[in-house]
Amino acid sequence: MLSENFYKLFQQKYAIINDYEKIRYKLEYDLYLIKQSNKLSPYNKLSPLITFTQKTFPWPNPKYELDDQVSYHNTLMLMDQYIIEVPQIILSLQTDLYKEN
């Protein structure tokens, strides 16, 4: 795979991941607000504004991986795996939010 092709795929996958991350952040923030407003159950968690971290993926680095193609493959594989897993994370957050309401 040429580096230009990798970069194009990386951008496409990251656009999908970024959309998922916006949804996940909104759900985490809504859940935080509900738990903060619940006087019966003190919730001493830091605000998601502080604790939320955007999912990151390793950029291919030939210094650590001898073969660029392996490095490209590993990065894209991690991105694909996250794209598969994140809907379940979002569903779990939606379920938690529903339980709190």
Protein backbone atom coordinates (compact mmCIF):
# COMPACT_ATOMS: atom_id res chain seq x y z
CA MET A 1 0.00 0.00 0.00
CA LEU A 2 1.32 3.42 -0.90
CA SER A 3 1.53 5.97 1.89
CA GLU A 4 -0.92 8.20 -0.02
CA ASN A 5 -3.48 5.39 -0.10
CA PHE A 6 -2.96 4.72 3.59
CA TYR A 7 -3.48 8.37 4.43
CA LYS A 8 -6.70 8.48 2.41
CA LEU A 9 -8.05 5.36 4.18
CA PHE A 10 -6.95 6.72 7.55
CA GLN A 11 -8.87 9.96 6.94
CA GLN A 12 -12.01 8.10 5.84
CA LYS A 13 -11.99 5.79 8.86
CA TYR A 14 -11.19 8.60 11.26
CA ALA A 15 -14.15 10.63 9.97
CA ILE A 16 -16.43 7.71 10.92
CA ILE A 17 -14.73 7.35 14.29
CA ASN A 18 -14.98 11.09 14.94
CA ASP A 19 -18.76 10.95 14.40
CA TYR A 20 -19.04 8.06 16.85
CA GLU A 21 -16.88 9.92 19.35
CA LYS A 22 -19.20 12.94 19.23
CA ILE A 23 -22.17 10.69 20.01
CA ARG A 24 -20.28 8.91 22.79
CA TYR A 25 -19.19 12.19 24.36
CA LYS A 26 -22.74 13.59 24.29
CA LEU A 27 -24.09 10.47 26.00
CA GLU A 28 -21.37 10.51 28.64
CA TYR A 29 -21.99 14.18 29.31
CA ASP A 30 -25.79 13.71 29.58
CA LEU A 31 -25.27 10.81 31.96
CA TYR A 32 -22.92 12.93 34.03
CA LEU A 33 -25.47 15.77 34.26
CA ILE A 34 -28.23 13.41 35.35
CA LYS A 35 -26.05 11.84 38.02
CA GLN A 36 -24.92 15.26 39.23
CA SER A 37 -28.51 16.45 39.59
CA ASN A 38 -29.53 13.32 41.52
CA LYS A 39 -29.33 14.45 45.16
CA LEU A 40 -29.94 10.96 46.54
CA SER A 41 -26.82 9.56 45.01
CA PRO A 42 -23.76 11.79 45.21
CA TYR A 43 -21.68 11.30 42.13
CA ASN A 44 -18.14 12.50 42.60
CA LYS A 45 -16.81 11.90 39.15
CA LEU A 46 -14.88 14.55 37.31
CA SER A 47 -16.72 16.23 34.50
CA PRO A 48 -16.43 14.48 31.13
CA LEU A 49 -15.01 17.76 29.89
CA ILE A 50 -11.92 16.79 31.88
CA THR A 51 -11.97 13.01 31.72
CA PHE A 52 -13.13 12.35 28.16
CA THR A 53 -10.34 11.34 25.82
CA GLN A 54 -10.69 11.09 22.07
CA LYS A 55 -9.82 7.65 20.75
CA THR A 56 -6.41 7.77 19.12
CA PHE A 57 -4.61 5.34 16.88
CA PRO A 58 -0.91 4.79 16.37
CA TRP A 59 0.54 6.47 13.35
CA PRO A 60 2.81 4.10 11.42
CA ASN A 61 6.32 4.47 12.69
CA PRO A 62 9.04 2.54 10.86
CA LYS A 63 11.35 3.12 13.83
CA TYR A 64 9.28 0.63 15.85
CA GLU A 65 7.92 -1.54 13.05
CA LEU A 66 10.39 -2.62 10.42
CA ASP A 67 7.88 -2.98 7.63
CA ASP A 68 5.71 -0.01 6.61
CA GLN A 69 3.07 -2.35 5.20
CA VAL A 70 2.72 -4.14 8.54
CA SER A 71 2.47 -0.80 10.28
CA TYR A 72 -0.24 0.43 7.89
CA HIS A 73 -2.12 -2.83 8.31
CA ASN A 74 -1.95 -2.72 12.12
CA THR A 75 -3.22 0.85 12.29
CA LEU A 76 -6.12 0.24 9.91
CA MET A 77 -6.97 -3.00 11.72
CA LEU A 78 -7.19 -1.16 15.06
CA MET A 79 -9.44 1.45 13.48
CA ASP A 80 -11.71 -1.20 11.98
CA GLN A 81 -11.94 -2.97 15.33
CA TYR A 82 -12.96 0.26 17.06
CA ILE A 83 -15.59 0.99 14.40
CA ILE A 84 -17.03 -2.47 15.12
CA GLU A 85 -16.92 -2.08 18.93
CA VAL A 86 -18.03 1.53 19.44
CA PRO A 87 -21.75 0.96 18.63
CA GLN A 88 -21.85 -1.45 21.60
CA ILE A 89 -20.22 1.19 23.81
CA ILE A 90 -22.81 3.74 22.66
CA LEU A 91 -25.66 1.28 23.27
CA SER A 92 -24.35 0.64 26.79
CA LEU A 93 -24.25 4.38 27.49
CA GLN A 94 -27.79 4.78 26.12
CA THR A 95 -28.95 1.97 28.41
CA ASP A 96 -27.29 3.61 31.43
CA LEU A 97 -28.86 6.94 30.51
CA TYR A 98 -32.30 5.34 30.18
CA LYS A 99 -31.92 3.69 33.61
CA GLU A 100 -30.99 7.02 35.22
CA ASN A 101 -34.02 8.80 33.77
